[in-house]
Amino acid sequence: MVRVYKYEAFDRTFVNERVAEFRDQTRRFLAGELSEDEFRPLRLRNGLYIQTHAPMLRVAIPYGMLSSTQLRMLAHIARHYDRDYGHFSTRQNIQFNWPKLEQVPDILAELASVEMHAIQTSGNCIRNVTTDHLAGVATDELEDPRPWCELIRQWSTLHPEFNYLPRKFKIAVTGAASDRAVSAVHDIGVHLVRGPAGAIGFEILCGGGLGRMPIIGKRIREWLPQSELLAYLEAILRVYNRHGRRDNIHRARIKVLVKSLGAAEFARQVEREYAANRAFAPQVSAAQIARLRASFTPPPYLLLRDRDPSLSGGAAFVAWYRHNTRAHKVSGYRAVFVSLKKHGEAPGDMTSSQMQGLADLADRYSFGELRVTHDQNLLLADVPQRELATLHEALAELGLATPNIGTLTDMIACPGLDFCSLANAGSIGVAKQIHAQFDDFDYLYDLGEIQVKMSGCMNACGHHHVGHIGILGVDKHGEEWYQITLGGSASGQVSLGEVIGPSVPKSQVAATLQRIVEVYLERRQDADESFLQTVRRLGIAPFKERVYAQDAVAA
C-alpha cells in the first residue's frame, strides 16, 4: 500500500474546476482582456511566477510525499513542457523554470490527472505544509505527523478568512525527537509531544522565519490537545490577520508581529482569541483523524532480520551505505537518500530520465513511494536491506548515488541569478566551484557533517542563516560577491549564523571555505568534535583571522 493521501471525489472535482478556471484566465490575459496587474494575483495563486528568462511553475508536493506515478508525470512535464529537468526546493516542492505561459493550463491538467496541483504554492496564503522526510519510518518518532499535515492542508486550502494574509505563511509539523522539519524557522512549528498525563498533543512555536529579518520561533503553547489543533491555528492566524503589517512587504511576516509585541503578549492575545471562539472553531474528531491515518498505514513489510550489507560490499557501496542510508524502525529495512548533489551539477536538479528511472526503482524496491527532503534530495523510505547493493548499482547508473549525504557538498542552494528575478548573485556556479574544490570523498568524510546553505539574495530561499556555513550572494556595483556566516543550525540547538567579515569575490568562495575547514581540522579537540561544535567552542575569531590573513580575499 502506498502511503500517499488519495483524492476523494470532492478533491478531484475541486482541482479540475480550478484548472478550467485558470485556463480561461490565461486565455483572457493572452487575448488582452486582463491586464498584467489583474492577472498577477491569479497566476500567483496557481504557482506561476515570471522569472528572469521565462515563467516558473511551482508544483505542490504536500509534506514531500510522491507516488511513482506522480514522479513519472513530473518526468513527462519536464520532457514535454520544460528543458528536460525540474528543480526540487527546500519546501519539498518542485519547480519548472522554462514552461511557456500558454501551456501552463495544459500542465496543470496533466498534474490533476495524477492528483497533483500548484494551488497556494505562492501568494499571501498558507503555503505547502512540510514535515520530516523520515515520517512513519524514523526510529525516534513519537507519532506519524503526516495525517496532521493532510488535515492542515485540507483546512487551509482556500480558507475564506486566511486566503489573503498580510504575507506568505508557512507551517511545519514534526513528530520526532530530532526536528528534521526545520520547524523553528517557520511561521508556525507544530511538534507532537507527550503531555503531563501521557496523552499525545502539540507544542506550538510561532514567529520563526528567515529572509531580511531572520528570527527563531518562540514557544507559545507547551501542550495542546489534538482535538484543538485547528482551533488554535485559527486563533494564531486571526491575531496575525488583524494586526500584521500590510503597508510594508518587508515587515509583513508574523515574525515581525511576534517580535514587536513580544512572545508573551502575542501568546496572551492568541489564548484570548482561542478562548473567545473555541465554541465556534473546528474541532478534530477521533473519527476524522482516524480516516486520515488510514491513508498512511504501513505497507506490507516482509518479516526480515537486520543485516549489515556493508560487511561484504566493495568500497563504493560501503561509502554509499554509511552516508546515504539511515536506520528504519522495521527490522530488515533501511531508508535510502537519493543524492541530487552530484559534483558538477546544480543542487536539487533532476532530469526527466532520472525521474523516470527512479520511479521504476521505487516500484521495485520501496512500495512505489518517494519523499522529497528539506535538503533538496529524495528518499526511498522502505528498502529491504538485502536489496541495497542492487539498488546502489541502479542509482549509480542514473547518476543518483553520490555518497555525500550530510557532507559539505550536500549543500542547499537556490537557483540564484541564473533564473530568479529577485537574486543579486548566482548560486549554481558557486556550487560547482565548491564541488571542484572538495572532490576528495575521504577528505569530506574526515570533515564530518558540515551543512552548507547558499542563497542568491536576502530572501534566503537557500536558508543560509541556519547553515553551519552560510553563503549569501550580494551585488557590489554590478559584481557578484558573497557574505559568509558560521555557526547556524536548523535543528537541535537552533541558531543563526554570524557574519565573519567582509564579503568575498565569487572566484574566492571555495578557497574561503577551504581556509575555514582547515582551521576546524587544526583546532578540533578530537575526531568526534563536529564542525559546529568547534565553531561554538571557539567563536568565529580564528576562522575570520585565517580567511582574511594578508588581505587574501578582503573586500
Protein backbone atom coordinates (compact mmCIF):
# COMPACT_ATOMS: atom_id res chain seq x y z
CA MET A 1 0.00 0.00 0.00
CA VAL A 2 1.38 3.41 -0.98
CA ARG A 3 1.23 5.83 1.92
CA VAL A 4 0.22 8.89 -0.09
CA TYR A 5 -3.09 10.63 0.50
CA LYS A 6 -5.58 9.66 -2.22
CA TYR A 7 -8.07 12.17 -3.55
CA GLU A 8 -11.75 11.79 -2.81
CA ALA A 9 -14.42 12.85 -5.33
CA PHE A 10 -14.50 16.36 -3.87
CA ASP A 11 -10.73 16.77 -4.26
CA ARG A 12 -10.79 15.74 -7.91
CA THR A 13 -13.73 17.98 -8.74
CA PHE A 14 -12.17 20.94 -6.96
CA VAL A 15 -8.77 20.63 -8.68
CA ASN A 16 -10.28 20.07 -12.14
CA GLU A 17 -12.54 23.09 -11.76
CA ARG A 18 -9.54 25.15 -10.68
CA VAL A 19 -7.65 24.08 -13.82
CA ALA A 20 -10.59 25.10 -16.04
CA GLU A 21 -10.83 28.43 -14.24
CA PHE A 22 -7.13 29.20 -14.75
CA ARG A 23 -7.26 28.09 -18.38
CA ASP A 24 -9.91 30.76 -19.01
CA GLN A 25 -7.97 33.36 -17.03
CA THR A 26 -4.83 32.64 -19.08
CA ARG A 27 -6.78 32.84 -22.34
CA ARG A 28 -8.23 36.20 -21.34
CA PHE A 29 -4.79 37.54 -20.39
CA LEU A 30 -3.19 36.44 -23.65
CA ALA A 31 -6.12 37.99 -25.54
CA GLY A 32 -5.56 41.31 -23.77
CA GLU A 33 -8.78 41.09 -21.77
CA LEU A 34 -6.90 41.06 -18.45
CA SER A 35 -4.06 43.45 -17.58
CA GLU A 36 -0.82 42.28 -16.01
CA ASP A 37 -1.94 43.73 -12.68
CA GLU A 38 -5.23 41.82 -12.91
CA PHE A 39 -3.56 38.57 -13.99
CA ARG A 40 -0.73 38.63 -11.46
CA PRO A 41 -2.70 37.56 -8.34
CA LEU A 42 -4.49 34.91 -10.41
CA ARG A 43 -1.29 33.29 -11.68
CA LEU A 44 0.39 33.51 -8.28
CA ARG A 45 -2.49 31.56 -6.73
CA ASN A 46 -1.72 28.85 -9.27
CA GLY A 47 2.03 28.71 -8.59
CA LEU A 48 3.16 30.73 -11.61
CA TYR A 49 5.93 33.32 -11.33
CA ILE A 50 7.56 35.42 -14.04
CA GLN A 51 11.31 34.99 -13.65
CA THR A 52 14.38 36.35 -15.42
CA HIS A 53 14.11 34.25 -18.58
CA ALA A 54 10.68 32.62 -18.55
CA PRO A 55 7.73 31.75 -16.29
CA MET A 56 8.44 29.45 -13.36
CA LEU A 57 5.80 26.98 -12.21
CA ARG A 58 5.99 25.71 -8.64
CA VAL A 59 4.15 22.41 -8.15
CA ALA A 60 2.92 21.40 -4.70
CA ILE A 61 4.19 18.16 -3.19
CA PRO A 62 2.27 18.16 0.12
CA TYR A 63 4.58 17.19 3.00
CA GLY A 64 7.04 15.87 0.39
CA MET A 65 5.14 12.67 -0.49
CA LEU A 66 5.21 11.35 -4.06
CA SER A 67 4.00 8.17 -5.70
CA SER A 68 5.98 6.64 -8.56
CA THR A 69 3.07 7.54 -10.87
CA GLN A 70 3.34 11.17 -9.86
CA LEU A 71 7.12 11.22 -10.36
CA ARG A 72 6.62 9.79 -13.86
CA MET A 73 4.21 12.64 -14.57
CA LEU A 74 6.81 15.16 -13.38
CA ALA A 75 9.28 13.49 -15.76
CA HIS A 76 6.75 13.83 -18.59
CA ILE A 77 6.23 17.52 -17.83
CA ALA A 78 9.98 18.16 -17.70
CA ARG A 79 10.44 16.39 -21.03
CA HIS A 80 7.50 17.88 -22.95
CA TYR A 81 6.96 21.31 -21.41
CA ASP A 82 10.35 22.31 -19.98
CA ARG A 83 14.02 21.78 -20.77
CA ASP A 84 14.11 18.18 -19.56
CA TYR A 85 14.60 18.78 -15.84
CA GLY A 86 12.98 20.08 -12.65
CA HIS A 87 14.35 21.69 -9.50
CA PHE A 88 13.37 20.38 -6.04
CA SER A 89 13.13 23.11 -3.40
CA THR A 90 13.53 23.33 0.38
CA ARG A 91 9.72 23.36 0.76
CA GLN A 92 9.61 19.82 -0.63
CA ASN A 93 8.10 21.15 -3.89
CA ILE A 94 9.35 21.01 -7.48
CA GLN A 95 9.84 23.99 -9.79
CA PHE A 96 9.89 24.08 -13.58
CA ASN A 97 11.89 27.02 -14.89
CA TRP A 98 11.05 27.08 -18.60
CA PRO A 99 7.33 26.46 -19.26
CA LYS A 100 5.50 28.54 -21.86
CA LEU A 101 2.72 30.63 -20.40
CA GLU A 102 0.13 29.41 -22.89
CA GLN A 103 0.93 25.78 -21.97
CA VAL A 104 0.67 26.15 -18.18
CA PRO A 105 -3.07 25.24 -18.11
CA ASP A 106 -2.18 22.05 -20.01
CA ILE A 107 0.50 21.27 -17.42
CA LEU A 108 -1.98 21.80 -14.59
CA ALA A 109 -4.47 19.49 -16.31
CA GLU A 110 -1.80 16.79 -16.63
CA LEU A 111 -0.92 17.21 -12.94
CA ALA A 112 -4.58 16.93 -11.95
CA SER A 113 -4.75 13.53 -13.67
CA VAL A 114 -2.31 12.18 -11.04
CA GLU A 115 -3.76 14.08 -8.08
CA MET A 116 -1.30 16.98 -8.10
CA HIS A 117 -1.68 20.75 -8.40
CA ALA A 118 0.06 24.11 -7.90
CA ILE A 119 -2.55 25.74 -5.66
CA GLN A 120 -1.21 28.01 -2.91
CA THR A 121 2.44 27.42 -3.77
CA SER A 122 2.77 31.20 -3.98
CA GLY A 123 0.86 34.29 -2.94
CA ASN A 124 -0.02 35.64 0.52
CA CYS A 125 -1.67 32.47 1.77
CA ILE A 126 -0.83 29.33 3.75
CA ARG A 127 1.80 27.56 1.65
CA ASN A 128 2.66 23.89 1.26
CA VAL A 129 2.81 22.20 4.68
CA THR A 130 6.15 20.46 5.25
CA THR A 131 7.30 17.70 7.58
CA ASP A 132 10.03 15.21 8.44
CA HIS A 133 11.10 13.23 5.37
CA LEU A 134 11.52 10.18 7.64
CA ALA A 135 7.93 10.41 8.89
CA GLY A 136 6.47 6.97 9.56
CA VAL A 137 9.84 5.16 9.49
CA ALA A 138 12.02 7.15 11.91
CA THR A 139 13.30 5.31 14.96
CA ASP A 140 12.89 8.43 17.15
CA GLU A 141 9.30 9.18 16.14
CA LEU A 142 6.54 9.64 18.72
CA GLU A 143 3.75 9.62 16.14
CA ASP A 144 3.48 9.93 12.36
CA PRO A 145 2.89 13.64 11.63
CA ARG A 146 1.61 13.21 8.06
CA PRO A 147 -2.10 12.78 8.90
CA TRP A 148 -1.88 16.11 10.71
CA CYS A 149 -0.17 17.69 7.70
CA GLU A 150 -3.00 16.47 5.50
CA LEU A 151 -5.55 17.83 7.96
CA ILE A 152 -3.87 21.26 7.84
CA ARG A 153 -3.67 21.09 4.03
CA GLN A 154 -7.38 20.43 3.71
CA TRP A 155 -8.30 23.07 6.28
CA SER A 156 -6.04 25.77 4.82
CA THR A 157 -6.83 25.34 1.11
CA LEU A 158 -8.80 28.44 0.08
CA HIS A 159 -9.78 29.10 3.70
CA PRO A 160 -12.04 32.15 3.22
CA GLU A 161 -10.67 34.06 6.21
CA PHE A 162 -6.98 33.39 5.54
CA ASN A 163 -6.85 33.47 1.75
CA TYR A 164 -5.30 36.96 1.61
CA LEU A 165 -2.94 37.27 4.56
CA PRO A 166 -0.51 40.17 5.08
CA ARG A 167 2.26 37.90 3.73
CA LYS A 168 3.00 34.28 2.81
CA PHE A 169 2.63 31.82 5.68
CA LYS A 170 4.49 28.56 6.29
CA ILE A 171 3.72 25.70 8.68
CA ALA A 172 5.91 22.68 9.53
CA VAL A 173 4.87 19.62 11.56
CA THR A 174 7.16 17.07 13.19
CA GLY A 175 6.61 14.02 15.34
CA ALA A 176 10.20 13.05 16.13
CA ALA A 177 12.73 13.90 18.80
CA SER A 178 15.07 15.24 16.10
CA ASP A 179 13.48 18.16 14.27
CA ARG A 180 14.20 17.33 10.64
CA ALA A 181 11.37 19.65 9.53
CA VAL A 182 13.27 22.86 10.47
CA SER A 183 10.16 23.98 12.34
CA ALA A 184 11.88 26.71 14.37
CA VAL A 185 12.25 28.94 11.30
CA HIS A 186 8.63 28.60 10.18
CA ASP A 187 5.74 30.95 10.87
CA ILE A 188 4.24 28.11 12.91
CA GLY A 189 6.04 24.99 14.08
CA VAL A 190 3.85 22.13 15.31
CA HIS A 191 5.54 19.44 17.44
CA LEU A 192 3.85 16.23 18.52
CA VAL A 193 4.72 15.80 22.20
CA ARG A 194 3.55 13.79 25.17
CA GLY A 195 1.71 15.79 27.83
CA PRO A 196 1.97 15.54 31.62
CA ALA A 197 -0.75 12.88 31.75
CA GLY A 198 0.81 10.86 28.95
CA ALA A 199 -1.53 11.90 26.15
CA ILE A 200 0.00 12.96 22.83
CA GLY A 201 -0.72 16.55 21.85
CA PHE A 202 1.12 19.50 20.36
CA GLU A 203 3.76 22.02 21.31
CA ILE A 204 3.35 25.20 19.24
CA LEU A 205 6.16 27.50 18.09
CA CYS A 206 5.40 30.77 16.34
CA GLY A 207 7.18 33.70 14.72
CA GLY A 208 10.14 31.97 13.10
CA GLY A 209 11.44 32.90 9.67
CA LEU A 210 14.50 33.82 7.64
CA GLY A 211 14.85 36.47 4.91
CA ARG A 212 15.81 40.04 5.72
CA MET A 213 14.99 39.59 9.41
CA PRO A 214 15.99 36.07 10.49
CA ILE A 215 14.28 35.03 13.73
CA ILE A 216 13.99 31.74 15.60
CA GLY A 217 10.41 30.86 16.55
CA LYS A 218 9.21 31.12 20.14
CA ARG A 219 7.17 28.55 22.04
CA ILE A 220 3.72 29.98 22.72
CA ARG A 221 1.90 26.80 23.83
CA GLU A 222 3.58 24.00 25.77
CA TRP A 223 0.83 21.45 25.20
CA LEU A 224 -2.37 21.48 23.17
CA PRO A 225 -4.90 18.61 22.89
CA GLN A 226 -5.08 17.02 19.45
CA SER A 227 -8.75 17.92 19.05
CA GLU A 228 -7.91 21.61 19.42
CA LEU A 229 -5.24 21.95 16.73
CA LEU A 230 -7.32 23.73 14.08
CA ALA A 231 -8.99 25.95 16.65
CA TYR A 232 -5.59 27.10 17.92
CA LEU A 233 -4.16 27.61 14.43
CA GLU A 234 -7.20 29.75 13.60
CA ALA A 235 -6.58 31.85 16.71
CA ILE A 236 -2.96 32.46 15.69
CA LEU A 237 -3.90 33.38 12.15
CA ARG A 238 -6.75 35.60 13.27
CA VAL A 239 -4.43 37.64 15.51
CA TYR A 240 -1.92 37.88 12.65
CA ASN A 241 -4.55 38.80 10.08
CA ARG A 242 -5.87 41.52 12.37
CA HIS A 243 -2.57 43.11 13.40
CA GLY A 244 0.00 42.09 10.72
CA ARG A 245 1.57 44.89 8.68
CA ARG A 246 0.14 45.38 5.19
CA ASP A 247 1.89 48.66 4.42
CA ASN A 248 5.44 47.27 4.18
CA ILE A 249 6.20 43.95 2.46
CA HIS A 250 9.48 43.62 4.37
CA ARG A 251 7.74 43.84 7.76
CA ALA A 252 4.58 41.92 6.96
CA ARG A 253 5.53 38.44 8.22
CA ILE A 254 4.17 37.17 11.53
CA LYS A 255 7.70 37.12 12.95
CA VAL A 256 7.66 40.93 12.94
CA LEU A 257 4.37 40.99 14.86
CA VAL A 258 5.63 38.46 17.43
CA LYS A 259 8.85 40.43 17.88
CA SER A 260 7.12 43.80 18.19
CA LEU A 261 4.54 42.56 20.71
CA GLY A 262 6.89 40.19 22.49
CA ALA A 263 6.27 36.45 22.56
CA ALA A 264 4.43 36.59 25.90
CA GLU A 265 1.98 39.28 24.78
CA PHE A 266 1.44 37.62 21.42
CA ALA A 267 0.70 34.32 23.17
CA ARG A 268 -1.71 36.12 25.52
CA GLN A 269 -3.63 37.55 22.57
CA VAL A 270 -3.75 34.17 20.86
CA GLU A 271 -5.04 32.50 24.03
CA ARG A 272 -7.70 35.17 24.39
CA GLU A 273 -8.79 34.69 20.77
CA TYR A 274 -8.73 30.92 21.21
CA ALA A 275 -10.89 31.05 24.33
CA ALA A 276 -13.38 33.52 22.82
CA ASN A 277 -14.02 31.47 19.67
CA ARG A 278 -13.34 27.94 20.83
CA ALA A 279 -17.01 27.00 20.80
CA PHE A 280 -17.32 28.01 17.13
CA ALA A 281 -13.93 26.78 15.90
CA PRO A 282 -13.45 23.46 14.07
CA GLN A 283 -12.79 20.50 16.36
CA VAL A 284 -10.78 17.48 15.22
CA SER A 285 -12.79 14.37 15.96
CA ALA A 286 -11.28 10.95 16.59
CA ALA A 287 -13.13 9.66 13.52
CA GLN A 288 -11.71 12.43 11.35
CA ILE A 289 -8.09 11.80 12.26
CA ALA A 290 -8.62 8.02 12.06
CA ARG A 291 -9.80 8.45 8.48
CA LEU A 292 -6.70 10.43 7.61
CA ARG A 293 -4.41 7.97 9.39
CA ALA A 294 -5.85 5.25 7.16
CA SER A 295 -4.15 6.97 4.20
CA PHE A 296 -0.76 6.45 5.85
CA THR A 297 -0.95 2.86 7.08
CA PRO A 298 2.30 0.89 6.84
CA PRO A 299 2.97 -1.03 3.63
CA PRO A 300 3.09 -4.85 3.65
CA TYR A 301 6.56 -5.24 5.13
CA LEU A 302 8.26 -8.60 4.89
CA LEU A 303 9.48 -10.36 8.02
CA LEU A 304 13.21 -9.77 7.67
CA ARG A 305 16.16 -9.81 10.00
CA ASP A 306 18.54 -6.91 10.32
CA ARG A 307 21.82 -7.37 8.49
CA ASP A 308 24.77 -5.17 7.61
CA PRO A 309 25.27 -5.38 3.83
CA SER A 310 28.40 -3.23 4.04
CA LEU A 311 30.32 -6.12 5.64
CA SER A 312 30.58 -7.83 2.26
CA GLY A 313 30.38 -4.90 -0.16
CA GLY A 314 33.00 -3.05 -2.19
CA ALA A 315 34.42 0.34 -1.19
CA ALA A 316 31.96 2.39 -3.27
CA PHE A 317 28.96 0.54 -1.85
CA VAL A 318 30.25 0.76 1.73
CA ALA A 319 30.70 4.55 1.46
CA TRP A 320 27.23 4.93 -0.01
CA TYR A 321 25.65 2.65 2.62
CA ARG A 322 27.25 4.53 5.51
CA HIS A 323 26.42 8.02 4.28
CA ASN A 324 23.25 7.66 2.20
CA THR A 325 21.16 5.21 4.23
CA ARG A 326 19.53 5.51 7.65
CA ALA A 327 18.07 3.18 10.27
CA HIS A 328 14.45 2.09 9.85
CA LYS A 329 12.01 1.26 12.65
CA VAL A 330 11.16 -2.05 10.93
CA SER A 331 13.86 -4.71 11.06
CA GLY A 332 15.40 -5.68 7.76
CA TYR A 333 14.80 -2.29 6.10
CA ARG A 334 16.73 0.95 5.54
CA ALA A 335 15.73 4.45 4.42
CA VAL A 336 17.80 5.46 1.38
CA PHE A 337 18.71 9.02 0.42
CA VAL A 338 18.91 9.70 -3.30
CA SER A 339 21.51 12.42 -3.65
CA LEU A 340 20.68 15.26 -6.03
CA LYS A 341 24.10 16.77 -5.32
CA LYS A 342 26.31 15.04 -7.85
CA HIS A 343 29.53 17.01 -8.12
CA GLY A 344 29.40 19.44 -11.03
CA GLU A 345 25.60 19.51 -11.17
CA ALA A 346 23.16 22.11 -9.86
CA PRO A 347 21.94 21.10 -6.36
CA GLY A 348 18.33 19.93 -6.40
CA ASP A 349 18.07 19.49 -10.18
CA MET A 350 16.85 16.22 -11.68
CA THR A 351 16.45 15.23 -15.33
CA SER A 352 13.37 13.55 -16.77
CA SER A 353 15.29 10.32 -17.39
CA GLN A 354 16.45 10.28 -13.78
CA MET A 355 12.87 10.83 -12.59
CA GLN A 356 11.61 8.04 -14.80
CA GLY A 357 14.36 5.67 -13.70
CA LEU A 358 13.87 6.47 -10.02
CA ALA A 359 10.11 5.91 -10.31
CA ASP A 360 10.85 2.41 -11.63
CA LEU A 361 13.24 1.78 -8.72
CA ALA A 362 10.62 3.00 -6.24
CA ASP A 363 8.17 0.45 -7.62
CA ARG A 364 10.76 -2.30 -7.43
CA TYR A 365 12.30 -1.57 -4.04
CA SER A 366 10.16 0.84 -1.96
CA PHE A 367 6.43 0.16 -2.44
CA GLY A 368 6.11 2.79 -5.19
CA GLU A 369 6.67 5.70 -2.82
CA LEU A 370 9.20 8.55 -2.65
CA ARG A 371 9.79 11.60 -0.46
CA VAL A 372 11.30 15.00 -1.14
CA THR A 373 13.60 16.16 1.66
CA HIS A 374 14.10 19.64 3.05
CA ASP A 375 17.71 19.41 1.88
CA GLN A 376 16.74 19.06 -1.82
CA ASN A 377 17.31 15.33 -2.06
CA LEU A 378 14.85 12.46 -2.50
CA LEU A 379 14.27 9.47 -0.26
CA LEU A 380 13.23 5.84 -0.75
CA ALA A 381 11.87 5.17 2.72
CA ASP A 382 11.34 1.39 2.78
CA VAL A 383 14.13 -0.54 1.09
CA PRO A 384 14.89 -4.13 2.19
CA GLN A 385 18.48 -4.35 3.35
CA ARG A 386 19.04 -7.38 1.13
CA GLU A 387 18.27 -5.23 -1.95
CA LEU A 388 20.60 -2.35 -1.13
CA ALA A 389 23.58 -3.47 -3.20
CA THR A 390 21.43 -3.93 -6.30
CA LEU A 391 19.69 -0.59 -5.70
CA HIS A 392 23.07 1.13 -5.33
CA GLU A 393 24.17 -0.12 -8.73
CA ALA A 394 20.95 1.06 -10.34
CA LEU A 395 21.18 4.50 -8.71
CA ALA A 396 24.79 4.82 -9.82
CA GLU A 397 23.76 4.22 -13.42
CA LEU A 398 21.29 7.10 -13.08
CA GLY A 399 23.91 9.41 -11.53
CA LEU A 400 21.99 9.42 -8.24
CA ALA A 401 24.36 7.55 -5.92
CA THR A 402 26.81 10.28 -4.93
CA PRO A 403 27.82 9.22 -1.37
CA ASN A 404 27.79 12.70 0.13
CA ILE A 405 24.65 13.00 2.29
CA GLY A 406 25.46 15.16 5.31
CA THR A 407 28.82 16.28 3.94
CA LEU A 408 29.96 19.72 2.85
CA THR A 409 28.97 19.11 -0.79
CA ASP A 410 25.42 18.08 0.16
CA MET A 411 24.60 21.77 0.11
CA ILE A 412 21.30 23.60 -0.16
CA ALA A 413 21.25 26.20 -2.94
CA CYS A 414 18.52 28.31 -4.50
CA PRO A 415 18.58 28.81 -8.32
CA GLY A 416 20.04 32.29 -7.79
CA LEU A 417 20.74 34.78 -10.53
CA ASP A 418 20.73 32.05 -13.16
CA PHE A 419 16.91 32.09 -13.04
CA CYS A 420 15.44 34.21 -10.25
CA SER A 421 14.50 37.83 -10.95
CA LEU A 422 14.98 38.70 -7.26
CA ALA A 423 18.53 37.37 -6.93
CA ASN A 424 21.65 39.52 -6.58
CA ALA A 425 24.17 36.78 -7.34
CA GLY A 426 24.43 33.29 -8.75
CA SER A 427 24.37 30.07 -6.75
CA ILE A 428 24.75 27.27 -9.26
CA GLY A 429 28.20 28.34 -10.45
CA VAL A 430 29.44 28.71 -6.88
CA ALA A 431 28.08 25.26 -6.00
CA LYS A 432 30.06 23.76 -8.87
CA GLN A 433 33.14 25.66 -7.70
CA ILE A 434 32.75 24.15 -4.22
CA HIS A 435 32.25 20.68 -5.71
CA ALA A 436 35.52 21.06 -7.62
CA GLN A 437 37.40 22.25 -4.52
CA PHE A 438 36.11 19.40 -2.33
CA ASP A 439 36.17 16.44 -4.70
CA ASP A 440 38.01 14.01 -2.40
CA PHE A 441 35.39 11.96 -0.56
CA ASP A 442 37.81 10.66 2.05
CA TYR A 443 38.59 14.28 2.92
CA LEU A 444 34.87 15.10 3.09
CA TYR A 445 34.26 12.15 5.39
CA ASP A 446 37.08 13.29 7.69
CA LEU A 447 35.41 16.69 7.94
CA GLY A 448 32.19 15.04 9.10
CA GLU A 449 28.83 16.77 8.99
CA ILE A 450 29.01 20.30 7.63
CA GLN A 451 25.80 21.86 6.39
CA VAL A 452 26.43 24.46 3.70
CA LYS A 453 23.42 26.56 2.71
CA MET A 454 23.54 29.20 -0.03
CA SER A 455 21.14 31.94 -1.13
CA GLY A 456 21.36 34.31 -4.05
CA CYS A 457 19.66 37.14 -2.17
CA MET A 458 18.35 38.21 1.24
CA ASN A 459 15.07 36.37 0.71
CA ALA A 460 17.03 33.33 1.96
CA CYS A 461 15.40 30.60 -0.14
CA GLY A 462 18.63 28.65 0.44
CA HIS A 463 18.32 29.06 4.25
CA HIS A 464 21.85 30.46 4.54
CA HIS A 465 21.15 31.93 8.00
CA VAL A 466 20.93 28.43 9.54
CA GLY A 467 23.81 26.80 7.69
CA HIS A 468 26.83 25.61 9.63
CA ILE A 469 28.44 27.60 6.83
CA GLY A 470 26.07 30.11 5.23
CA ILE A 471 26.74 31.81 1.89
CA LEU A 472 24.76 34.88 0.80
CA GLY A 473 25.17 36.41 -2.64
CA VAL A 474 25.30 40.21 -2.72
CA ASP A 475 25.65 42.76 -5.50
CA LYS A 476 28.59 45.17 -5.37
CA HIS A 477 28.41 47.68 -8.20
CA GLY A 478 27.21 45.04 -10.62
CA GLU A 479 29.63 42.34 -9.45
CA GLU A 480 28.79 39.15 -7.53
CA TRP A 481 30.25 38.91 -4.02
CA TYR A 482 29.44 36.51 -1.18
CA GLN A 483 28.98 37.03 2.54
CA ILE A 484 30.00 34.11 4.78
CA THR A 485 28.36 33.17 8.09
CA LEU A 486 29.35 30.49 10.59
CA GLY A 487 27.57 28.67 13.40
CA GLY A 488 23.99 28.46 12.16
CA SER A 489 21.85 25.40 12.78
CA ALA A 490 18.27 24.49 11.87
CA SER A 491 17.85 21.62 14.34
CA GLY A 492 18.86 20.67 17.86
CA GLN A 493 20.21 23.86 19.41
CA VAL A 494 18.81 26.13 16.70
CA SER A 495 20.97 29.16 15.94
CA LEU A 496 21.56 31.87 13.37
CA GLY A 497 24.98 32.13 11.78
CA GLU A 498 27.32 35.04 12.48
CA VAL A 499 28.90 37.04 9.65
CA ILE A 500 32.68 36.55 9.74
CA GLY A 501 33.61 39.74 7.89
CA PRO A 502 33.52 41.49 4.52
CA SER A 503 32.11 39.62 1.54
CA VAL A 504 34.47 37.74 -0.76
CA PRO A 505 34.55 37.76 -4.58
CA LYS A 506 32.87 34.95 -6.49
CA SER A 507 36.18 33.44 -7.56
CA GLN A 508 37.26 33.02 -3.91
CA VAL A 509 34.23 31.36 -2.31
CA ALA A 510 35.53 27.77 -2.45
CA ALA A 511 39.01 28.86 -1.35
CA THR A 512 37.43 30.70 1.58
CA LEU A 513 35.60 27.55 2.64
CA GLN A 514 38.88 25.66 2.37
CA ARG A 515 40.54 28.07 4.83
CA ILE A 516 37.61 27.72 7.21
CA VAL A 517 37.72 23.91 7.31
CA GLU A 518 41.50 23.98 7.71
CA VAL A 519 41.03 25.88 10.96
CA TYR A 520 38.49 23.29 12.05
CA LEU A 521 40.84 20.38 11.33
CA GLU A 522 43.66 22.11 13.20
CA ARG A 523 41.64 23.22 16.22
CA ARG A 524 39.07 20.48 16.84
CA GLN A 525 39.60 18.71 20.14
CA ASP A 526 39.37 15.25 18.59
CA ALA A 527 37.85 13.46 15.62
CA ASP A 528 34.49 13.27 17.40
CA GLU A 529 34.09 17.04 17.76
CA SER A 530 31.93 18.24 14.88
CA PHE A 531 32.48 21.38 12.86
CA LEU A 532 29.51 23.10 14.51
CA GLN A 533 30.71 22.15 17.99
CA THR A 534 34.15 23.57 17.22
CA VAL A 535 32.71 26.84 15.92
CA ARG A 536 30.55 27.21 19.01
CA ARG A 537 33.50 26.46 21.30
CA LEU A 538 35.99 28.76 19.59
CA GLY A 539 33.75 31.50 18.23
CA ILE A 540 34.34 32.96 14.78
CA ALA A 541 37.59 34.83 15.57
CA PRO A 542 40.13 32.14 14.49
CA PHE A 543 38.19 31.45 11.30
CA LYS A 544 37.96 35.14 10.49
CA GLU A 545 41.69 35.58 11.09
CA ARG A 546 42.54 32.79 8.65
CA VAL A 547 40.10 33.91 5.96
CA TYR A 548 41.36 37.49 5.90
CA ALA A 549 45.05 36.78 6.52
CA GLN A 550 47.19 39.15 4.44
CA ASP A 551 44.01 40.57 2.96
CA ALA A 552 43.75 37.47 0.77
CA VAL A 553 40.09 37.99 -0.08
CA ALA A 554 39.18 41.22 1.72
CA ALA A 555 36.57 43.34 0.01
